Amino acid sequence: MLLIEPRVFEDSRGTFFESFSGRKLADAGIQRAFVQERTILWNDRDLAIDWPLRGKPILSEKDSKGLNFKDAPIY
């Protein structure tokens, strides 16, 4: 068993931890590519979130290309 302890960061938004470190995994002999971020469509019909919008939202390119929740990969 190999325990890789994550680094913890803190700022005005709260506390965050490093959930992935390619360098640490490679140093431990784990050769695998991980994708760390996934984007779900903000207006996914299945999630049916009632956003309190006033007009059309301004989305980044990444957010406009998000996946439906049901199509998102599960790890």
C-alpha atoms as a PDB file:
ATOM      1  CA  MET A   1       0.000   0.000   0.000  1.00  0.00           C
ATOM      2  CA  LEU A   2       1.205   3.447  -0.878  1.00  0.00           C
ATOM      3  CA  LEU A   3      -0.218   6.492   0.874  1.00  0.00           C
ATOM      4  CA  ILE A   4       0.122   9.775  -0.997  1.00  0.00           C
ATOM      5  CA  GLU A   5      -0.850  12.590   1.327  1.00  0.00           C
ATOM      6  CA  PRO A   6      -2.506  15.573  -0.406  1.00  0.00           C
ATOM      7  CA  ARG A   7      -1.372  19.143   0.166  1.00  0.00           C
ATOM      8  CA  VAL A   8      -3.968  21.372   1.832  1.00  0.00           C
ATOM      9  CA  PHE A   9      -4.486  24.999   0.821  1.00  0.00           C
ATOM     10  CA  GLU A  10      -6.545  27.698   2.477  1.00  0.00           C
ATOM     11  CA  ASP A  11      -7.688  31.116   1.314  1.00  0.00           C
ATOM     12  CA  SER A  12     -10.656  33.460   1.749  1.00  0.00           C
ATOM     13  CA  ARG A  13     -12.943  30.988  -0.075  1.00  0.00           C
ATOM     14  CA  GLY A  14     -12.222  28.090   2.258  1.00  0.00           C
ATOM     15  CA  THR A  15      -9.991  25.033   2.517  1.00  0.00           C
ATOM     16  CA  PHE A  16      -8.975  22.995  -0.518  1.00  0.00           C
ATOM     17  CA  PHE A  17      -6.849  19.936  -1.005  1.00  0.00           C
ATOM     18  CA  GLU A  18      -4.743  18.704  -3.871  1.00  0.00           C
ATOM     19  CA  SER A  19      -6.710  15.738  -5.179  1.00  0.00           C
ATOM     20  CA  PHE A  20      -4.273  14.858  -7.944  1.00  0.00           C
ATOM     21  CA  SER A  21      -0.554  15.278  -8.440  1.00  0.00           C
ATOM     22  CA  GLY A  22       0.775  13.723 -11.636  1.00  0.00           C
ATOM     23  CA  ARG A  23       4.334  14.193 -10.431  1.00  0.00           C
ATOM     24  CA  LYS A  24       3.708  12.421  -7.121  1.00  0.00           C
ATOM     25  CA  LEU A  25       1.979   9.520  -8.851  1.00  0.00           C
ATOM     26  CA  ALA A  26       4.757   9.214 -11.449  1.00  0.00           C
ATOM     27  CA  ASP A  27       7.372   9.285  -8.658  1.00  0.00           C
ATOM     28  CA  ALA A  28       5.462   6.397  -7.054  1.00  0.00           C
ATOM     29  CA  GLY A  29       5.558   4.412 -10.308  1.00  0.00           C
ATOM     30  CA  ILE A  30       1.924   5.034 -11.267  1.00  0.00           C
ATOM     31  CA  GLN A  31       1.845   5.875 -14.972  1.00  0.00           C
ATOM     32  CA  ARG A  32      -1.692   6.950 -15.710  1.00  0.00           C
ATOM     33  CA  ALA A  33      -3.224  10.066 -17.205  1.00  0.00           C
ATOM     34  CA  PHE A  34      -6.028  11.540 -15.135  1.00  0.00           C
ATOM     35  CA  VAL A  35      -8.488  14.209 -16.177  1.00  0.00           C
ATOM     36  CA  GLN A  36      -9.249  16.230 -13.121  1.00  0.00           C
ATOM     37  CA  GLU A  37     -12.084  18.473 -14.194  1.00  0.00           C
ATOM     38  CA  ARG A  38     -15.474  17.716 -15.688  1.00  0.00           C
ATOM     39  CA  THR A  39     -18.178  20.193 -16.627  1.00  0.00           C
ATOM     40  CA  ILE A  40     -21.891  19.517 -16.366  1.00  0.00           C
ATOM     41  CA  LEU A  41     -24.258  21.666 -18.419  1.00  0.00           C
ATOM     42  CA  TRP A  42     -25.668  24.424 -16.242  1.00  0.00           C
ATOM     43  CA  ASN A  43     -29.128  23.857 -17.746  1.00  0.00           C
ATOM     44  CA  ASP A  44     -29.199  20.039 -17.711  1.00  0.00           C
ATOM     45  CA  ARG A  45     -32.859  19.067 -18.057  1.00  0.00           C
ATOM     46  CA  ASP A  46     -32.512  16.008 -15.806  1.00  0.00           C
ATOM     47  CA  LEU A  47     -31.100  18.073 -12.936  1.00  0.00           C
ATOM     48  CA  ALA A  48     -33.868  20.653 -13.415  1.00  0.00           C
ATOM     49  CA  ILE A  49     -32.214  23.392 -11.366  1.00  0.00           C
ATOM     50  CA  ASP A  50     -34.397  26.493 -11.177  1.00  0.00           C
ATOM     51  CA  TRP A  51     -31.707  29.147 -11.588  1.00  0.00           C
ATOM     52  CA  PRO A  52     -32.869  32.669 -10.634  1.00  0.00           C
ATOM     53  CA  LEU A  53     -31.797  34.211 -13.963  1.00  0.00           C
ATOM     54  CA  ARG A  54     -32.447  37.676 -15.303  1.00  0.00           C
ATOM     55  CA  GLY A  55     -31.752  37.322 -18.999  1.00  0.00           C
ATOM     56  CA  LYS A  56     -29.472  34.975 -20.880  1.00  0.00           C
ATOM     57  CA  PRO A  57     -26.424  33.712 -18.932  1.00  0.00           C
ATOM     58  CA  ILE A  58     -22.895  34.491 -20.127  1.00  0.00           C
ATOM     59  CA  LEU A  59     -20.977  31.213 -20.336  1.00  0.00           C
ATOM     60  CA  SER A  60     -17.325  30.439 -20.886  1.00  0.00           C
ATOM     61  CA  GLU A  61     -16.448  28.211 -23.841  1.00  0.00           C
ATOM     62  CA  LYS A  62     -15.750  25.352 -21.422  1.00  0.00           C
ATOM     63  CA  ASP A  63     -19.100  25.738 -19.670  1.00  0.00           C
ATOM     64  CA  SER A  64     -21.010  25.959 -22.940  1.00  0.00           C
ATOM     65  CA  LYS A  65     -19.544  22.568 -23.952  1.00  0.00           C
ATOM     66  CA  GLY A  66     -20.471  20.766 -20.732  1.00  0.00           C
ATOM     67  CA  LEU A  67     -21.972  17.292 -20.637  1.00  0.00           C
ATOM     68  CA  ASN A  68     -25.404  16.221 -19.549  1.00  0.00           C
ATOM     69  CA  PHE A  69     -25.167  14.735 -16.069  1.00  0.00           C
ATOM     70  CA  LYS A  70     -26.348  11.319 -17.268  1.00  0.00           C
ATOM     71  CA  ASP A  71     -23.526  11.255 -19.867  1.00  0.00           C
ATOM     72  CA  ALA A  72     -20.729  12.312 -17.520  1.00  0.00           C
ATOM     73  CA  PRO A  73     -18.069   9.706 -16.699  1.00  0.00           C
ATOM     74  CA  ILE A  74     -18.208   8.060 -13.297  1.00  0.00           C
ATOM     75  CA  TYR A  75     -14.987   7.222 -11.499  1.00  0.00           C
END
